Amino acid sequence: MRLILWLPVLAGIAAGAAWLTRPGSDAFDAHLRAAIERRIATTDVGTGDDPVATIALVGCKLRPSDCFTLLRQSLDVTIEDRVLYTRFHVKGLNHAATCTGAFTRIWCREDPLGS
């Protein structure tokens, strides 16, 4: 019986914590920067067949912060600020993804193009 009485209180505390810790656009940019820098650091130069991509990768390895700025400008990011979480829709560079942020964490899934 006591558990039933405490359940709404615990649910309210969890909802308040979710509301207070929703990541915003700055947190999303930090998440995106970390993902791009990780991808740049782990990709070997010359592994692809596209010479333009190889040249771009070399430039990105030399100046990762400039690479992030250039990539971020080419992405279309739509932010849905929900009550308990934030949803980010990202499109650009022949890719699309939907990211969800809650409790200071952001996780993403790639969407098929055309959706």
N, C-alpha and C. Protein backbone atom coordinates (compact mmCIF):
# COMPACT_ATOMS: atom_id res chain seq x y z
N MET A 1 0.81 -1.19 0.00
CA MET A 1 0.00 0.00 0.00
C MET A 1 0.86 1.26 0.00
N ARG A 2 1.94 1.25 0.76
CA ARG A 2 2.82 2.42 0.80
C ARG A 2 3.50 2.67 -0.53
N LEU A 3 3.82 1.57 -1.23
CA LEU A 3 4.46 1.70 -2.54
C LEU A 3 3.55 2.43 -3.51
N ILE A 4 2.28 2.13 -3.47
CA ILE A 4 1.32 2.80 -4.35
C ILE A 4 1.25 4.29 -4.04
N LEU A 5 1.39 4.65 -2.78
CA LEU A 5 1.37 6.06 -2.41
C LEU A 5 2.64 6.79 -2.84
N TRP A 6 3.78 6.11 -2.82
CA TRP A 6 5.05 6.72 -3.17
C TRP A 6 5.30 6.74 -4.67
N LEU A 7 4.60 5.91 -5.45
CA LEU A 7 4.83 5.85 -6.88
C LEU A 7 4.63 7.20 -7.58
N PRO A 8 3.55 7.93 -7.33
CA PRO A 8 3.41 9.25 -7.97
C PRO A 8 4.51 10.24 -7.56
N VAL A 9 4.97 10.15 -6.34
CA VAL A 9 6.04 11.04 -5.88
C VAL A 9 7.33 10.71 -6.63
N LEU A 10 7.65 9.44 -6.73
CA LEU A 10 8.86 9.02 -7.45
C LEU A 10 8.78 9.36 -8.93
N ALA A 11 7.60 9.18 -9.52
CA ALA A 11 7.41 9.53 -10.92
C ALA A 11 7.57 11.04 -11.11
N GLY A 12 7.07 11.83 -10.18
CA GLY A 12 7.23 13.29 -10.25
C GLY A 12 8.68 13.71 -10.14
N ILE A 13 9.42 13.06 -9.25
CA ILE A 13 10.85 13.37 -9.11
C ILE A 13 11.61 13.01 -10.38
N ALA A 14 11.30 11.84 -10.96
CA ALA A 14 11.96 11.42 -12.21
C ALA A 14 11.62 12.38 -13.34
N ALA A 15 10.36 12.81 -13.43
CA ALA A 15 9.97 13.75 -14.48
C ALA A 15 10.66 15.10 -14.28
N GLY A 16 10.76 15.56 -13.05
CA GLY A 16 11.46 16.81 -12.78
C GLY A 16 12.94 16.72 -13.14
N ALA A 17 13.55 15.60 -12.83
CA ALA A 17 14.97 15.41 -13.19
C ALA A 17 15.14 15.37 -14.71
N ALA A 18 14.22 14.71 -15.40
CA ALA A 18 14.29 14.67 -16.87
C ALA A 18 14.13 16.07 -17.45
N TRP A 19 13.20 16.85 -16.91
CA TRP A 19 12.98 18.20 -17.40
C TRP A 19 14.21 19.08 -17.17
N LEU A 20 14.83 18.96 -16.02
CA LEU A 20 15.98 19.79 -15.69
C LEU A 20 17.24 19.41 -16.45
N THR A 21 17.35 18.16 -16.88
CA THR A 21 18.59 17.69 -17.51
C THR A 21 18.44 17.44 -19.01
N ARG A 22 17.41 18.01 -19.64
CA ARG A 22 17.27 17.90 -21.10
C ARG A 22 18.44 18.60 -21.78
N PRO A 23 19.13 17.94 -22.70
CA PRO A 23 20.21 18.63 -23.42
C PRO A 23 19.64 19.61 -24.45
N GLY A 24 20.34 20.71 -24.63
CA GLY A 24 19.93 21.72 -25.60
C GLY A 24 20.84 21.69 -26.82
N SER A 25 20.79 22.77 -27.60
CA SER A 25 21.56 22.83 -28.84
C SER A 25 23.07 22.85 -28.58
N ASP A 26 23.50 23.47 -27.49
CA ASP A 26 24.94 23.47 -27.18
C ASP A 26 25.44 22.06 -26.86
N ALA A 27 24.64 21.31 -26.12
CA ALA A 27 25.03 19.93 -25.81
C ALA A 27 25.03 19.07 -27.08
N PHE A 28 24.08 19.34 -27.99
CA PHE A 28 24.06 18.59 -29.24
C PHE A 28 25.29 18.90 -30.08
N ASP A 29 25.66 20.19 -30.15
CA ASP A 29 26.87 20.55 -30.91
C ASP A 29 28.11 19.90 -30.30
N ALA A 30 28.19 19.83 -28.99
CA ALA A 30 29.32 19.16 -28.34
C ALA A 30 29.32 17.67 -28.66
N HIS A 31 28.14 17.05 -28.67
CA HIS A 31 28.03 15.63 -29.02
C HIS A 31 28.45 15.41 -30.47
N LEU A 32 28.00 16.27 -31.37
CA LEU A 32 28.34 16.17 -32.78
C LEU A 32 29.83 16.40 -33.00
N ARG A 33 30.40 17.38 -32.31
CA ARG A 33 31.84 17.64 -32.43
C ARG A 33 32.65 16.42 -31.99
N ALA A 34 32.27 15.81 -30.88
CA ALA A 34 32.99 14.63 -30.39
C ALA A 34 32.89 13.48 -31.38
N ALA A 35 31.71 13.29 -31.97
CA ALA A 35 31.53 12.21 -32.94
C ALA A 35 32.35 12.45 -34.20
N ILE A 36 32.38 13.68 -34.67
CA ILE A 36 33.16 14.00 -35.88
C ILE A 36 34.65 13.85 -35.60
N GLU A 37 35.11 14.37 -34.47
CA GLU A 37 36.54 14.26 -34.15
C GLU A 37 36.95 12.81 -33.94
N ARG A 38 36.08 11.99 -33.36
CA ARG A 38 36.36 10.56 -33.19
C ARG A 38 36.46 9.87 -34.55
N ARG A 39 35.55 10.23 -35.46
CA ARG A 39 35.56 9.64 -36.80
C ARG A 39 36.80 10.06 -37.58
N ILE A 40 37.20 11.31 -37.45
CA ILE A 40 38.42 11.79 -38.12
C ILE A 40 39.64 11.06 -37.59
N ALA A 41 39.70 10.89 -36.28
CA ALA A 41 40.87 10.25 -35.66
C ALA A 41 40.98 8.78 -36.00
N THR A 42 39.86 8.10 -36.23
CA THR A 42 39.91 6.65 -36.45
C THR A 42 39.89 6.25 -37.92
N THR A 43 39.72 7.20 -38.83
CA THR A 43 39.70 6.89 -40.25
C THR A 43 41.09 7.05 -40.83
N ASP A 44 41.56 6.04 -41.54
CA ASP A 44 42.87 6.09 -42.18
C ASP A 44 42.78 6.81 -43.52
N VAL A 45 43.82 7.57 -43.83
CA VAL A 45 43.90 8.29 -45.10
C VAL A 45 44.20 7.26 -46.20
N GLY A 46 43.49 7.39 -47.31
CA GLY A 46 43.76 6.53 -48.46
C GLY A 46 43.01 5.22 -48.45
N THR A 47 42.05 5.03 -47.57
CA THR A 47 41.31 3.77 -47.54
C THR A 47 40.15 3.78 -48.52
N GLY A 48 39.72 4.93 -48.99
CA GLY A 48 38.59 5.02 -49.91
C GLY A 48 39.06 5.20 -51.34
N ASP A 49 38.11 5.11 -52.27
CA ASP A 49 38.40 5.27 -53.69
C ASP A 49 38.23 6.69 -54.18
N ASP A 50 37.62 7.53 -53.38
CA ASP A 50 37.32 8.90 -53.78
C ASP A 50 38.47 9.82 -53.41
N PRO A 51 39.18 10.39 -54.41
CA PRO A 51 40.31 11.27 -54.08
C PRO A 51 39.88 12.57 -53.39
N VAL A 52 38.69 13.07 -53.69
CA VAL A 52 38.21 14.29 -53.05
C VAL A 52 37.98 14.03 -51.56
N ALA A 53 37.41 12.88 -51.24
CA ALA A 53 37.19 12.54 -49.83
C ALA A 53 38.51 12.36 -49.10
N THR A 54 39.51 11.81 -49.78
CA THR A 54 40.82 11.65 -49.17
C THR A 54 41.46 13.00 -48.87
N ILE A 55 41.35 13.94 -49.80
CA ILE A 55 41.89 15.28 -49.59
C ILE A 55 41.15 15.97 -48.44
N ALA A 56 39.82 15.81 -48.40
CA ALA A 56 39.04 16.41 -47.31
C ALA A 56 39.43 15.81 -45.97
N LEU A 57 39.68 14.50 -45.94
CA LEU A 57 40.08 13.85 -44.70
C LEU A 57 41.44 14.35 -44.22
N VAL A 58 42.37 14.54 -45.14
CA VAL A 58 43.68 15.09 -44.77
C VAL A 58 43.52 16.48 -44.17
N GLY A 59 42.69 17.31 -44.81
CA GLY A 59 42.44 18.66 -44.28
C GLY A 59 41.79 18.60 -42.91
N CYS A 60 40.88 17.65 -42.72
CA CYS A 60 40.22 17.52 -41.42
C CYS A 60 41.18 17.03 -40.34
N LYS A 61 42.10 16.17 -40.72
CA LYS A 61 43.08 15.69 -39.74
C LYS A 61 44.02 16.82 -39.32
N LEU A 62 44.29 17.76 -40.23
CA LEU A 62 45.17 18.87 -39.89
C LEU A 62 44.48 19.90 -39.00
N ARG A 63 43.20 20.18 -39.26
CA ARG A 63 42.46 21.18 -38.48
C ARG A 63 41.06 20.69 -38.18
N PRO A 64 40.91 19.81 -37.17
CA PRO A 64 39.59 19.24 -36.87
C PRO A 64 38.53 20.27 -36.48
N SER A 65 38.92 21.36 -35.82
CA SER A 65 37.92 22.35 -35.41
C SER A 65 37.33 23.06 -36.62
N ASP A 66 38.16 23.37 -37.62
CA ASP A 66 37.65 24.00 -38.84
C ASP A 66 36.77 23.02 -39.61
N CYS A 67 37.14 21.76 -39.58
CA CYS A 67 36.35 20.72 -40.24
C CYS A 67 34.96 20.63 -39.59
N PHE A 68 34.91 20.67 -38.27
CA PHE A 68 33.62 20.62 -37.59
C PHE A 68 32.77 21.82 -37.97
N THR A 69 33.36 23.00 -38.00
CA THR A 69 32.62 24.20 -38.34
C THR A 69 32.03 24.09 -39.75
N LEU A 70 32.82 23.61 -40.69
CA LEU A 70 32.36 23.46 -42.07
C LEU A 70 31.26 22.42 -42.16
N LEU A 71 31.43 21.29 -41.50
CA LEU A 71 30.41 20.24 -41.53
C LEU A 71 29.13 20.70 -40.84
N ARG A 72 29.24 21.39 -39.73
CA ARG A 72 28.06 21.84 -38.99
C ARG A 72 27.23 22.81 -39.80
N GLN A 73 27.90 23.66 -40.60
CA GLN A 73 27.18 24.61 -41.45
C GLN A 73 26.44 23.92 -42.58
N SER A 74 26.88 22.74 -42.98
CA SER A 74 26.24 22.03 -44.08
C SER A 74 25.13 21.09 -43.60
N LEU A 75 24.89 21.02 -42.30
CA LEU A 75 23.84 20.17 -41.75
C LEU A 75 22.60 20.99 -41.41
N ASP A 76 21.44 20.44 -41.69
CA ASP A 76 20.19 21.05 -41.32
C ASP A 76 19.70 20.36 -40.05
N VAL A 77 19.70 21.06 -38.93
CA VAL A 77 19.32 20.48 -37.65
C VAL A 77 18.02 21.14 -37.18
N THR A 78 17.01 20.32 -36.94
CA THR A 78 15.74 20.78 -36.41
C THR A 78 15.62 20.28 -34.97
N ILE A 79 15.30 21.17 -34.05
CA ILE A 79 15.22 20.82 -32.64
C ILE A 79 13.76 20.86 -32.19
N GLU A 80 13.30 19.75 -31.62
CA GLU A 80 11.97 19.67 -31.01
C GLU A 80 12.18 19.64 -29.51
N ASP A 81 11.82 20.70 -28.84
CA ASP A 81 12.00 20.79 -27.39
C ASP A 81 10.75 20.24 -26.72
N ARG A 82 10.81 18.99 -26.30
CA ARG A 82 9.67 18.34 -25.64
C ARG A 82 9.76 18.60 -24.13
N VAL A 83 8.77 18.21 -23.38
CA VAL A 83 8.73 18.49 -21.95
C VAL A 83 9.80 17.70 -21.20
N LEU A 84 9.94 16.41 -21.49
CA LEU A 84 10.87 15.57 -20.74
C LEU A 84 12.13 15.19 -21.52
N TYR A 85 12.19 15.51 -22.80
CA TYR A 85 13.34 15.18 -23.62
C TYR A 85 13.42 16.13 -24.80
N THR A 86 14.52 16.07 -25.53
CA THR A 86 14.72 16.89 -26.71
C THR A 86 14.98 15.97 -27.89
N ARG A 87 14.38 16.27 -29.03
CA ARG A 87 14.58 15.47 -30.23
C ARG A 87 15.28 16.34 -31.26
N PHE A 88 16.33 15.82 -31.88
CA PHE A 88 17.10 16.52 -32.90
C PHE A 88 16.97 15.75 -34.21
N HIS A 89 16.54 16.42 -35.27
CA HIS A 89 16.48 15.81 -36.60
C HIS A 89 17.60 16.43 -37.43
N VAL A 90 18.49 15.59 -37.94
CA VAL A 90 19.67 16.06 -38.66
C VAL A 90 19.62 15.54 -40.09
N LYS A 91 19.79 16.45 -41.06
CA LYS A 91 19.84 16.06 -42.47
C LYS A 91 20.99 16.80 -43.13
N GLY A 92 21.66 16.11 -44.03
CA GLY A 92 22.73 16.73 -44.80
C GLY A 92 23.78 15.73 -45.19
N LEU A 93 24.52 16.07 -46.25
CA LEU A 93 25.62 15.24 -46.73
C LEU A 93 25.17 13.81 -47.03
N ASN A 94 24.01 13.67 -47.65
CA ASN A 94 23.43 12.38 -48.05
C ASN A 94 23.14 11.46 -46.87
N HIS A 95 22.91 12.01 -45.69
CA HIS A 95 22.57 11.22 -44.50
C HIS A 95 21.46 11.94 -43.75
N ALA A 96 20.74 11.15 -42.97
CA ALA A 96 19.72 11.70 -42.08
C ALA A 96 19.75 10.90 -40.79
N ALA A 97 19.53 11.58 -39.67
CA ALA A 97 19.53 10.91 -38.37
C ALA A 97 18.55 11.61 -37.44
N THR A 98 18.06 10.84 -36.50
CA THR A 98 17.22 11.39 -35.44
C THR A 98 17.91 11.09 -34.12
N CYS A 99 18.15 12.13 -33.35
CA CYS A 99 18.81 11.98 -32.06
C CYS A 99 17.83 12.38 -30.95
N THR A 100 17.92 11.70 -29.84
CA THR A 100 17.09 11.98 -28.69
C THR A 100 17.99 12.29 -27.51
N GLY A 101 17.64 13.32 -26.75
CA GLY A 101 18.43 13.70 -25.59
C GLY A 101 17.57 13.74 -24.34
N ALA A 102 18.05 13.07 -23.31
CA ALA A 102 17.37 13.09 -22.02
C ALA A 102 18.39 12.76 -20.94
N PHE A 103 18.19 13.30 -19.75
CA PHE A 103 19.09 13.04 -18.62
C PHE A 103 20.55 13.31 -19.00
N THR A 104 20.82 14.41 -19.68
CA THR A 104 22.14 14.89 -20.13
C THR A 104 22.80 13.96 -21.15
N ARG A 105 22.12 12.97 -21.67
CA ARG A 105 22.68 12.04 -22.66
C ARG A 105 22.00 12.26 -24.00
N ILE A 106 22.74 11.98 -25.08
CA ILE A 106 22.19 12.06 -26.43
C ILE A 106 22.53 10.76 -27.14
N TRP A 107 21.53 10.17 -27.78
CA TRP A 107 21.79 8.97 -28.59
C TRP A 107 21.07 9.16 -29.92
N CYS A 108 21.65 8.57 -30.97
CA CYS A 108 21.16 8.79 -32.33
C CYS A 108 20.92 7.48 -33.04
N ARG A 109 20.03 7.55 -34.02
CA ARG A 109 19.84 6.44 -34.94
C ARG A 109 19.77 7.04 -36.33
N GLU A 110 20.37 6.33 -37.28
CA GLU A 110 20.38 6.82 -38.65
C GLU A 110 19.05 6.50 -39.29
N ASP A 111 18.51 7.47 -40.01
CA ASP A 111 17.24 7.31 -40.71
C ASP A 111 17.51 6.99 -42.17
N PRO A 112 16.65 6.21 -42.78
CA PRO A 112 16.78 6.03 -44.23
C PRO A 112 16.46 7.35 -44.93
N LEU A 113 17.17 7.62 -46.00
CA LEU A 113 16.92 8.86 -46.74
C LEU A 113 15.54 8.80 -47.35
N GLY A 114 14.90 9.94 -47.39
CA GLY A 114 13.56 10.01 -47.94
C GLY A 114 12.47 9.97 -46.89
N SER A 115 12.85 9.77 -45.60
CA SER A 115 11.80 9.75 -44.57
C SER A 115 11.76 11.07 -43.84
